Amino acid sequence: MAGTAQPSEKSDGLVFHPMDQFIVEPLFGSGPIYWYTVTNVTLWMGLSVVALVLLMLVGTSKRALVPGRAQSVGELAYGFVHKMVEDVAGRDAVPYFPYIMTLFMFIVLSNFLGLLPMSFTTTSHIAVTAVMAIGVFLAVTVIGFVKNGVGFFSLFWISSAPLALRPALTLIEIISYFVRPVSHSIRLAGNMMAGHAVIKVFAAFAGVALISPLSVVAITAMYALETLVSFIQAYVFAILTCVYLKDALHPHH
């Protein structure tokens, strides 16, 4: 995350590259990256999974009457997501709670790990967020057809609208439905990339004596804001999943 400004060889300005922190690099050796290459993205995604397992399985395994820190965090997260699923998607969506809980915890832990110095924010890459968004899209679509059959198509037919407008609204609804994974993934990746890029820009000016104190203050403020954004973006991804699930379970509403 940290970055320093370096003098330019051709001018008196400063040269820094805030987007370099998002470069995907192989962990072992160098050369082209294939789908099976172990990269820094692979490493930090693996660390997110390990953190998730340690927090939710190991940390809550004892189930003490007086919970420790890990159990308290696990129980708070469980209750928070369970209530969100029930409130947004309804009781019929509770069987799908484990999937949404896993998504939320993986994203929020990936976001928080990305705030560590010298770390890599996996959720800043569209390749990562797109896979999760497409997974949600396919799962919701399958659930919609399994639960409702051809009645799932009623999601696109706005029966409450005037008859003359229904064909146009149907076309808009279909386009909107298939754009869901695009907006779902870009929203998360874009917000995480933007925040980390801004922190890197402020960090680049930390070596300039005249503005160094202001740079440190700006970095501190951005870290605080980015911590909040990391949680909010995980919440937004999860709550949109609940909204899509509700449409699949109750397309007539």
C-alpha atoms as a PDB file:
ATOM      1  CA  MET A   1       0.000   0.000   0.000  1.00  0.00           C
ATOM      2  CA  ALA A   2       2.777   2.418   0.817  1.00  0.00           C
ATOM      3  CA  GLY A   3       4.388   4.414  -1.967  1.00  0.00           C
ATOM      4  CA  THR A   4       7.167   6.959  -2.196  1.00  0.00           C
ATOM      5  CA  ALA A   5       7.744   9.718  -4.696  1.00  0.00           C
ATOM      6  CA  GLN A   6      10.887   9.504  -6.813  1.00  0.00           C
ATOM      7  CA  PRO A   7      12.536  12.344  -8.731  1.00  0.00           C
ATOM      8  CA  SER A   8      12.080  12.192 -12.462  1.00  0.00           C
ATOM      9  CA  GLU A   9      15.203  11.943 -14.620  1.00  0.00           C
ATOM     10  CA  LYS A  10      13.728  14.225 -17.264  1.00  0.00           C
ATOM     11  CA  SER A  11      12.067  16.890 -15.138  1.00  0.00           C
ATOM     12  CA  ASP A  12      11.847  18.334 -11.652  1.00  0.00           C
ATOM     13  CA  GLY A  13       8.455  16.684 -11.068  1.00  0.00           C
ATOM     14  CA  LEU A  14       7.580  13.552  -9.177  1.00  0.00           C
ATOM     15  CA  VAL A  15       7.018  10.133 -10.658  1.00  0.00           C
ATOM     16  CA  PHE A  16       4.736   7.624  -8.989  1.00  0.00           C
ATOM     17  CA  HIS A  17       2.453   4.921 -10.283  1.00  0.00           C
ATOM     18  CA  PRO A  18      -0.605   4.411  -8.069  1.00  0.00           C
ATOM     19  CA  MET A  19      -1.939   1.615 -10.289  1.00  0.00           C
ATOM     20  CA  ASP A  20       1.163  -0.566  -9.960  1.00  0.00           C
ATOM     21  CA  GLN A  21      -0.277  -2.080  -6.782  1.00  0.00           C
ATOM     22  CA  PHE A  22      -2.936  -3.826  -8.882  1.00  0.00           C
ATOM     23  CA  ILE A  23      -0.514  -5.647 -11.192  1.00  0.00           C
ATOM     24  CA  VAL A  24      -0.955  -9.417 -11.122  1.00  0.00           C
ATOM     25  CA  GLU A  25       2.430 -11.126 -10.760  1.00  0.00           C
ATOM     26  CA  PRO A  26       3.447 -14.793 -10.487  1.00  0.00           C
ATOM     27  CA  LEU A  27       4.674 -15.830  -7.052  1.00  0.00           C
ATOM     28  CA  PHE A  28       7.363 -18.098  -8.447  1.00  0.00           C
ATOM     29  CA  GLY A  29       9.612 -17.005 -11.255  1.00  0.00           C
ATOM     30  CA  SER A  30       8.513 -14.710 -14.049  1.00  0.00           C
ATOM     31  CA  GLY A  31       6.968 -14.899 -17.471  1.00  0.00           C
ATOM     32  CA  PRO A  32       3.445 -15.134 -18.841  1.00  0.00           C
ATOM     33  CA  ILE A  33       0.516 -15.818 -16.524  1.00  0.00           C
ATOM     34  CA  TYR A  34      -1.838 -18.672 -17.351  1.00  0.00           C
ATOM     35  CA  TRP A  35      -5.048 -19.764 -15.648  1.00  0.00           C
ATOM     36  CA  TYR A  36      -3.094 -22.257 -13.505  1.00  0.00           C
ATOM     37  CA  THR A  37      -0.284 -19.848 -12.519  1.00  0.00           C
ATOM     38  CA  VAL A  38      -0.008 -19.153  -8.784  1.00  0.00           C
ATOM     39  CA  THR A  39      -0.030 -15.374  -8.438  1.00  0.00           C
ATOM     40  CA  ASN A  40      -0.267 -12.734  -5.746  1.00  0.00           C
ATOM     41  CA  VAL A  41      -4.035 -12.808  -6.302  1.00  0.00           C
ATOM     42  CA  THR A  42      -4.047 -16.543  -5.551  1.00  0.00           C
ATOM     43  CA  LEU A  43      -2.040 -15.990  -2.380  1.00  0.00           C
ATOM     44  CA  TRP A  44      -4.289 -13.304  -0.930  1.00  0.00           C
ATOM     45  CA  MET A  45      -7.471 -15.112  -1.901  1.00  0.00           C
ATOM     46  CA  GLY A  46      -6.093 -18.138  -0.089  1.00  0.00           C
ATOM     47  CA  LEU A  47      -5.296 -16.018   2.956  1.00  0.00           C
ATOM     48  CA  SER A  48      -8.867 -14.703   2.920  1.00  0.00           C
ATOM     49  CA  VAL A  49     -10.196 -18.256   2.943  1.00  0.00           C
ATOM     50  CA  VAL A  50      -7.837 -19.176   5.796  1.00  0.00           C
ATOM     51  CA  ALA A  51      -8.966 -16.123   7.761  1.00  0.00           C
ATOM     52  CA  LEU A  52     -12.592 -17.081   7.151  1.00  0.00           C
ATOM     53  CA  VAL A  53     -12.022 -20.631   8.368  1.00  0.00           C
ATOM     54  CA  LEU A  54     -10.111 -19.492  11.440  1.00  0.00           C
ATOM     55  CA  LEU A  55     -12.759 -16.939  12.378  1.00  0.00           C
ATOM     56  CA  MET A  56     -15.952 -18.863  11.696  1.00  0.00           C
ATOM     57  CA  LEU A  57     -14.897 -22.468  12.357  1.00  0.00           C
ATOM     58  CA  VAL A  58     -11.908 -22.490  14.688  1.00  0.00           C
ATOM     59  CA  GLY A  59     -12.894 -19.329  16.567  1.00  0.00           C
ATOM     60  CA  THR A  60     -16.426 -20.551  17.272  1.00  0.00           C
ATOM     61  CA  SER A  61     -15.671 -24.244  17.801  1.00  0.00           C
ATOM     62  CA  LYS A  62     -15.716 -24.105  21.625  1.00  0.00           C
ATOM     63  CA  ARG A  63     -19.082 -22.278  21.827  1.00  0.00           C
ATOM     64  CA  ALA A  64     -18.415 -20.890  25.278  1.00  0.00           C
ATOM     65  CA  LEU A  65     -21.279 -19.415  27.305  1.00  0.00           C
ATOM     66  CA  VAL A  66     -19.153 -16.296  27.721  1.00  0.00           C
ATOM     67  CA  PRO A  67     -17.867 -15.835  24.167  1.00  0.00           C
ATOM     68  CA  GLY A  68     -14.323 -14.801  23.378  1.00  0.00           C
ATOM     69  CA  ARG A  69     -13.383 -12.259  20.752  1.00  0.00           C
ATOM     70  CA  ALA A  70     -13.488 -14.608  17.781  1.00  0.00           C
ATOM     71  CA  GLN A  71     -16.780 -16.151  18.857  1.00  0.00           C
ATOM     72  CA  SER A  72     -18.295 -12.715  19.454  1.00  0.00           C
ATOM     73  CA  VAL A  73     -17.292 -11.520  15.990  1.00  0.00           C
ATOM     74  CA  GLY A  74     -18.569 -14.744  14.432  1.00  0.00           C
ATOM     75  CA  GLU A  75     -21.904 -14.536  16.228  1.00  0.00           C
ATOM     76  CA  LEU A  76     -22.348 -10.858  15.338  1.00  0.00           C
ATOM     77  CA  ALA A  77     -21.602 -11.571  11.676  1.00  0.00           C
ATOM     78  CA  TYR A  78     -23.955 -14.569  11.667  1.00  0.00           C
ATOM     79  CA  GLY A  79     -26.807 -12.612  13.228  1.00  0.00           C
ATOM     80  CA  PHE A  80     -26.223  -9.579  11.013  1.00  0.00           C
ATOM     81  CA  VAL A  81     -26.309 -11.514   7.727  1.00  0.00           C
ATOM     82  CA  HIS A  82     -29.129 -13.827   8.831  1.00  0.00           C
ATOM     83  CA  LYS A  83     -31.343 -10.843   9.678  1.00  0.00           C
ATOM     84  CA  MET A  84     -30.446  -9.186   6.374  1.00  0.00           C
ATOM     85  CA  VAL A  85     -31.444 -12.281   4.394  1.00  0.00           C
ATOM     86  CA  GLU A  86     -34.696 -12.678   6.311  1.00  0.00           C
ATOM     87  CA  ASP A  87     -35.646  -8.992   6.121  1.00  0.00           C
ATOM     88  CA  VAL A  88     -34.765  -8.430   2.460  1.00  0.00           C
ATOM     89  CA  ALA A  89     -35.524 -11.761   0.768  1.00  0.00           C
ATOM     90  CA  GLY A  90     -38.031 -13.247   3.228  1.00  0.00           C
ATOM     91  CA  ARG A  91     -38.156 -16.455   5.223  1.00  0.00           C
ATOM     92  CA  ASP A  92     -38.173 -18.515   2.029  1.00  0.00           C
ATOM     93  CA  ALA A  93     -34.601 -17.353   1.397  1.00  0.00           C
ATOM     94  CA  VAL A  94     -33.194 -18.578   4.726  1.00  0.00           C
ATOM     95  CA  PRO A  95     -32.111 -21.972   3.248  1.00  0.00           C
ATOM     96  CA  TYR A  96     -29.725 -20.003   1.014  1.00  0.00           C
ATOM     97  CA  PHE A  97     -28.265 -18.090   3.958  1.00  0.00           C
ATOM     98  CA  PRO A  98     -24.976 -20.118   4.061  1.00  0.00           C
ATOM     99  CA  TYR A  99     -24.142 -19.069   0.501  1.00  0.00           C
ATOM    100  CA  ILE A 100     -24.781 -15.384   1.153  1.00  0.00           C
ATOM    101  CA  MET A 101     -22.949 -15.567   4.482  1.00  0.00           C
ATOM    102  CA  THR A 102     -19.904 -17.089   2.776  1.00  0.00           C
ATOM    103  CA  LEU A 103     -19.939 -14.401   0.083  1.00  0.00           C
ATOM    104  CA  PHE A 104     -20.211 -11.593   2.614  1.00  0.00           C
ATOM    105  CA  MET A 105     -17.449 -12.891   4.896  1.00  0.00           C
ATOM    106  CA  PHE A 106     -15.072 -13.646   2.015  1.00  0.00           C
ATOM    107  CA  ILE A 107     -15.513 -10.168   0.536  1.00  0.00           C
ATOM    108  CA  VAL A 108     -15.240  -8.294   3.827  1.00  0.00           C
ATOM    109  CA  LEU A 109     -12.128 -10.242   4.876  1.00  0.00           C
ATOM    110  CA  SER A 110     -10.537  -9.763   1.448  1.00  0.00           C
ATOM    111  CA  ASN A 111     -11.235  -6.040   1.698  1.00  0.00           C
ATOM    112  CA  PHE A 112      -9.772  -5.754   5.194  1.00  0.00           C
ATOM    113  CA  LEU A 113      -6.681  -7.825   4.335  1.00  0.00           C
ATOM    114  CA  GLY A 114      -6.137  -5.508   1.370  1.00  0.00           C
ATOM    115  CA  LEU A 115      -5.651  -2.627   3.813  1.00  0.00           C
ATOM    116  CA  LEU A 116      -2.534  -4.223   5.282  1.00  0.00           C
ATOM    117  CA  PRO A 117       0.806  -2.759   4.157  1.00  0.00           C
ATOM    118  CA  MET A 118       2.363  -4.645   1.228  1.00  0.00           C
ATOM    119  CA  SER A 119      -0.841  -6.639   0.727  1.00  0.00           C
ATOM    120  CA  PHE A 120      -2.906  -7.178  -2.413  1.00  0.00           C
ATOM    121  CA  THR A 121      -6.602  -6.318  -2.653  1.00  0.00           C
ATOM    122  CA  THR A 122      -8.143  -9.190  -4.591  1.00  0.00           C
ATOM    123  CA  THR A 123     -11.571  -7.556  -4.744  1.00  0.00           C
ATOM    124  CA  SER A 124     -10.097  -4.668  -6.751  1.00  0.00           C
ATOM    125  CA  HIS A 125      -9.852  -6.987  -9.763  1.00  0.00           C
ATOM    126  CA  ILE A 126     -12.880  -7.421 -11.985  1.00  0.00           C
ATOM    127  CA  ALA A 127     -11.788 -10.998 -12.708  1.00  0.00           C
ATOM    128  CA  VAL A 128     -12.442 -11.865  -9.058  1.00  0.00           C
ATOM    129  CA  THR A 129     -15.640  -9.893  -8.527  1.00  0.00           C
ATOM    130  CA  ALA A 130     -17.069 -10.969 -11.907  1.00  0.00           C
ATOM    131  CA  VAL A 131     -16.787 -14.645 -10.969  1.00  0.00           C
ATOM    132  CA  MET A 132     -18.738 -14.020  -7.769  1.00  0.00           C
ATOM    133  CA  ALA A 133     -21.329 -11.868  -9.569  1.00  0.00           C
ATOM    134  CA  ILE A 134     -21.809 -14.414 -12.358  1.00  0.00           C
ATOM    135  CA  GLY A 135     -22.126 -17.146  -9.742  1.00  0.00           C
ATOM    136  CA  VAL A 136     -24.912 -15.174  -8.032  1.00  0.00           C
ATOM    137  CA  PHE A 137     -26.607 -14.502 -11.388  1.00  0.00           C
ATOM    138  CA  LEU A 138     -26.588 -18.158 -12.427  1.00  0.00           C
ATOM    139  CA  ALA A 139     -27.634 -19.417  -9.001  1.00  0.00           C
ATOM    140  CA  VAL A 140     -30.537 -16.963  -8.768  1.00  0.00           C
ATOM    141  CA  THR A 141     -31.695 -17.765 -12.312  1.00  0.00           C
ATOM    142  CA  VAL A 142     -31.634 -21.519 -11.673  1.00  0.00           C
ATOM    143  CA  ILE A 143     -33.496 -21.078  -8.376  1.00  0.00           C
ATOM    144  CA  GLY A 144     -36.077 -18.910 -10.129  1.00  0.00           C
ATOM    145  CA  PHE A 145     -36.862 -21.563 -12.739  1.00  0.00           C
ATOM    146  CA  VAL A 146     -36.746 -24.459 -10.246  1.00  0.00           C
ATOM    147  CA  LYS A 147     -39.146 -22.736  -7.841  1.00  0.00           C
ATOM    148  CA  ASN A 148     -41.500 -21.139 -10.388  1.00  0.00           C
ATOM    149  CA  GLY A 149     -41.043 -22.896 -13.720  1.00  0.00           C
ATOM    150  CA  VAL A 150     -42.170 -20.765 -16.653  1.00  0.00           C
ATOM    151  CA  GLY A 151     -43.828 -18.492 -14.092  1.00  0.00           C
ATOM    152  CA  PHE A 152     -40.381 -17.011 -13.534  1.00  0.00           C
ATOM    153  CA  PHE A 153     -40.868 -15.065 -16.782  1.00  0.00           C
ATOM    154  CA  SER A 154     -43.539 -13.021 -15.015  1.00  0.00           C
ATOM    155  CA  LEU A 155     -40.615 -11.142 -13.465  1.00  0.00           C
ATOM    156  CA  PHE A 156     -40.226  -9.363 -16.808  1.00  0.00           C
ATOM    157  CA  TRP A 157     -43.919  -8.722 -17.440  1.00  0.00           C
ATOM    158  CA  ILE A 158     -45.130  -5.680 -15.497  1.00  0.00           C
ATOM    159  CA  SER A 159     -48.810  -6.515 -15.146  1.00  0.00           C
ATOM    160  CA  SER A 160     -49.529  -3.351 -13.146  1.00  0.00           C
ATOM    161  CA  ALA A 161     -48.392  -1.106 -16.018  1.00  0.00           C
ATOM    162  CA  PRO A 162     -50.698   0.053 -18.854  1.00  0.00           C
ATOM    163  CA  LEU A 163     -50.962  -2.603 -21.559  1.00  0.00           C
ATOM    164  CA  ALA A 164     -49.444  -0.345 -24.235  1.00  0.00           C
ATOM    165  CA  LEU A 165     -46.282   0.125 -22.165  1.00  0.00           C
ATOM    166  CA  ARG A 166     -45.759  -3.483 -21.130  1.00  0.00           C
ATOM    167  CA  PRO A 167     -43.743  -4.629 -24.199  1.00  0.00           C
ATOM    168  CA  ALA A 168     -41.297  -1.735 -23.833  1.00  0.00           C
ATOM    169  CA  LEU A 169     -41.031  -2.288 -20.082  1.00  0.00           C
ATOM    170  CA  THR A 170     -40.465  -5.997 -20.666  1.00  0.00           C
ATOM    171  CA  LEU A 171     -37.517  -5.226 -22.939  1.00  0.00           C
ATOM    172  CA  ILE A 172     -36.089  -2.848 -20.329  1.00  0.00           C
ATOM    173  CA  GLU A 173     -36.537  -5.454 -17.588  1.00  0.00           C
ATOM    174  CA  ILE A 174     -34.776  -8.137 -19.651  1.00  0.00           C
ATOM    175  CA  ILE A 175     -31.824  -5.847 -20.390  1.00  0.00           C
ATOM    176  CA  SER A 176     -31.692  -4.802 -16.732  1.00  0.00           C
ATOM    177  CA  TYR A 177     -31.706  -8.447 -15.634  1.00  0.00           C
ATOM    178  CA  PHE A 178     -28.756  -9.440 -17.807  1.00  0.00           C
ATOM    179  CA  VAL A 179     -26.790  -6.320 -16.850  1.00  0.00           C
ATOM    180  CA  ARG A 180     -26.982  -7.316 -13.171  1.00  0.00           C
ATOM    181  CA  PRO A 181     -23.692  -9.262 -13.035  1.00  0.00           C
ATOM    182  CA  VAL A 182     -21.893  -6.361 -14.751  1.00  0.00           C
ATOM    183  CA  SER A 183     -23.036  -3.721 -12.275  1.00  0.00           C
ATOM    184  CA  HIS A 184     -22.745  -6.171  -9.378  1.00  0.00           C
ATOM    185  CA  SER A 185     -19.069  -6.830 -10.087  1.00  0.00           C
ATOM    186  CA  ILE A 186     -17.938  -3.388 -11.291  1.00  0.00           C
ATOM    187  CA  ARG A 187     -19.392  -1.639  -8.240  1.00  0.00           C
ATOM    188  CA  LEU A 188     -17.231  -3.651  -5.842  1.00  0.00           C
ATOM    189  CA  ALA A 189     -14.042  -3.676  -7.927  1.00  0.00           C
ATOM    190  CA  GLY A 190     -14.302  -0.002  -8.851  1.00  0.00           C
ATOM    191  CA  ASN A 191     -14.782   1.227  -5.299  1.00  0.00           C
ATOM    192  CA  MET A 192     -11.933  -0.852  -3.917  1.00  0.00           C
ATOM    193  CA  MET A 193      -9.545   0.157  -6.698  1.00  0.00           C
ATOM    194  CA  ALA A 194     -10.385   3.858  -6.428  1.00  0.00           C
ATOM    195  CA  GLY A 195      -9.840   4.035  -2.664  1.00  0.00           C
ATOM    196  CA  HIS A 196      -6.510   2.240  -2.748  1.00  0.00           C
ATOM    197  CA  ALA A 197      -5.297   4.350  -5.670  1.00  0.00           C
ATOM    198  CA  VAL A 198      -6.059   7.539  -3.747  1.00  0.00           C
ATOM    199  CA  ILE A 199      -4.158   6.261  -0.702  1.00  0.00           C
ATOM    200  CA  LYS A 200      -1.178   5.490  -2.930  1.00  0.00           C
ATOM    201  CA  VAL A 201      -1.271   9.005  -4.383  1.00  0.00           C
ATOM    202  CA  PHE A 202      -1.235  10.575  -0.917  1.00  0.00           C
ATOM    203  CA  ALA A 203       1.547   8.202   0.165  1.00  0.00           C
ATOM    204  CA  ALA A 204       3.652   9.306  -2.792  1.00  0.00           C
ATOM    205  CA  PHE A 205       3.822  12.828  -1.363  1.00  0.00           C
ATOM    206  CA  ALA A 206       4.913  11.650   2.095  1.00  0.00           C
ATOM    207  CA  GLY A 207       8.553  12.145   1.071  1.00  0.00           C
ATOM    208  CA  VAL A 208       8.062  15.800   0.210  1.00  0.00           C
ATOM    209  CA  ALA A 209       9.087  17.782   3.283  1.00  0.00           C
ATOM    210  CA  LEU A 210       6.736  20.734   2.831  1.00  0.00           C
ATOM    211  CA  ILE A 211       3.555  18.702   2.512  1.00  0.00           C
ATOM    212  CA  SER A 212       4.555  15.554   4.364  1.00  0.00           C
ATOM    213  CA  PRO A 213       2.423  16.310   7.481  1.00  0.00           C
ATOM    214  CA  LEU A 214      -0.634  16.960   5.324  1.00  0.00           C
ATOM    215  CA  SER A 215       0.046  13.781   3.415  1.00  0.00           C
ATOM    216  CA  VAL A 216       0.150  11.728   6.625  1.00  0.00           C
ATOM    217  CA  VAL A 217      -3.141  13.263   7.784  1.00  0.00           C
ATOM    218  CA  ALA A 218      -4.727  12.545   4.397  1.00  0.00           C
ATOM    219  CA  ILE A 219      -3.495   8.942   4.431  1.00  0.00           C
ATOM    220  CA  THR A 220      -4.891   8.413   7.940  1.00  0.00           C
ATOM    221  CA  ALA A 221      -8.255   9.860   6.934  1.00  0.00           C
ATOM    222  CA  MET A 222      -8.369   7.769   3.766  1.00  0.00           C
ATOM    223  CA  TYR A 223      -7.508   4.608   5.681  1.00  0.00           C
ATOM    224  CA  ALA A 224     -10.390   5.277   8.051  1.00  0.00           C
ATOM    225  CA  LEU A 225     -12.725   5.937   5.133  1.00  0.00           C
ATOM    226  CA  GLU A 226     -11.492   2.891   3.228  1.00  0.00           C
ATOM    227  CA  THR A 227     -12.082   0.684   6.286  1.00  0.00           C
ATOM    228  CA  LEU A 228     -15.704   1.826   6.285  1.00  0.00           C
ATOM    229  CA  VAL A 229     -15.969   1.399   2.515  1.00  0.00           C
ATOM    230  CA  SER A 230     -14.537  -2.133   2.789  1.00  0.00           C
ATOM    231  CA  PHE A 231     -17.416  -3.146   5.033  1.00  0.00           C
ATOM    232  CA  ILE A 232     -20.064  -1.208   3.117  1.00  0.00           C
ATOM    233  CA  GLN A 233     -19.096  -2.738  -0.228  1.00  0.00           C
ATOM    234  CA  ALA A 234     -19.318  -6.257   1.204  1.00  0.00           C
ATOM    235  CA  TYR A 235     -22.719  -5.343   2.635  1.00  0.00           C
ATOM    236  CA  VAL A 236     -23.909  -3.889  -0.690  1.00  0.00           C
ATOM    237  CA  PHE A 237     -22.807  -7.008  -2.576  1.00  0.00           C
ATOM    238  CA  ALA A 238     -24.628  -9.245  -0.085  1.00  0.00           C
ATOM    239  CA  ILE A 239     -27.815  -7.172   0.053  1.00  0.00           C
ATOM    240  CA  LEU A 240     -28.037  -7.025  -3.747  1.00  0.00           C
ATOM    241  CA  THR A 241     -27.715 -10.802  -3.751  1.00  0.00           C
ATOM    242  CA  CYS A 242     -30.670 -10.914  -1.359  1.00  0.00           C
ATOM    243  CA  VAL A 243     -32.681  -8.604  -3.625  1.00  0.00           C
ATOM    244  CA  TYR A 244     -31.974 -10.795  -6.661  1.00  0.00           C
ATOM    245  CA  LEU A 245     -32.862 -13.893  -4.655  1.00  0.00           C
ATOM    246  CA  LYS A 246     -36.156 -12.326  -3.625  1.00  0.00           C
ATOM    247  CA  ASP A 247     -37.007 -11.704  -7.287  1.00  0.00           C
ATOM    248  CA  ALA A 248     -36.264 -15.346  -8.049  1.00  0.00           C
ATOM    249  CA  LEU A 249     -38.423 -16.658  -5.203  1.00  0.00           C
ATOM    250  CA  HIS A 250     -41.275 -14.204  -5.714  1.00  0.00           C
ATOM    251  CA  PRO A 251     -41.271 -13.071  -9.372  1.00  0.00           C
ATOM    252  CA  HIS A 252     -44.944 -12.053  -9.231  1.00  0.00           C
ATOM    253  CA  HIS A 253     -44.340  -9.355  -6.602  1.00  0.00           C
END
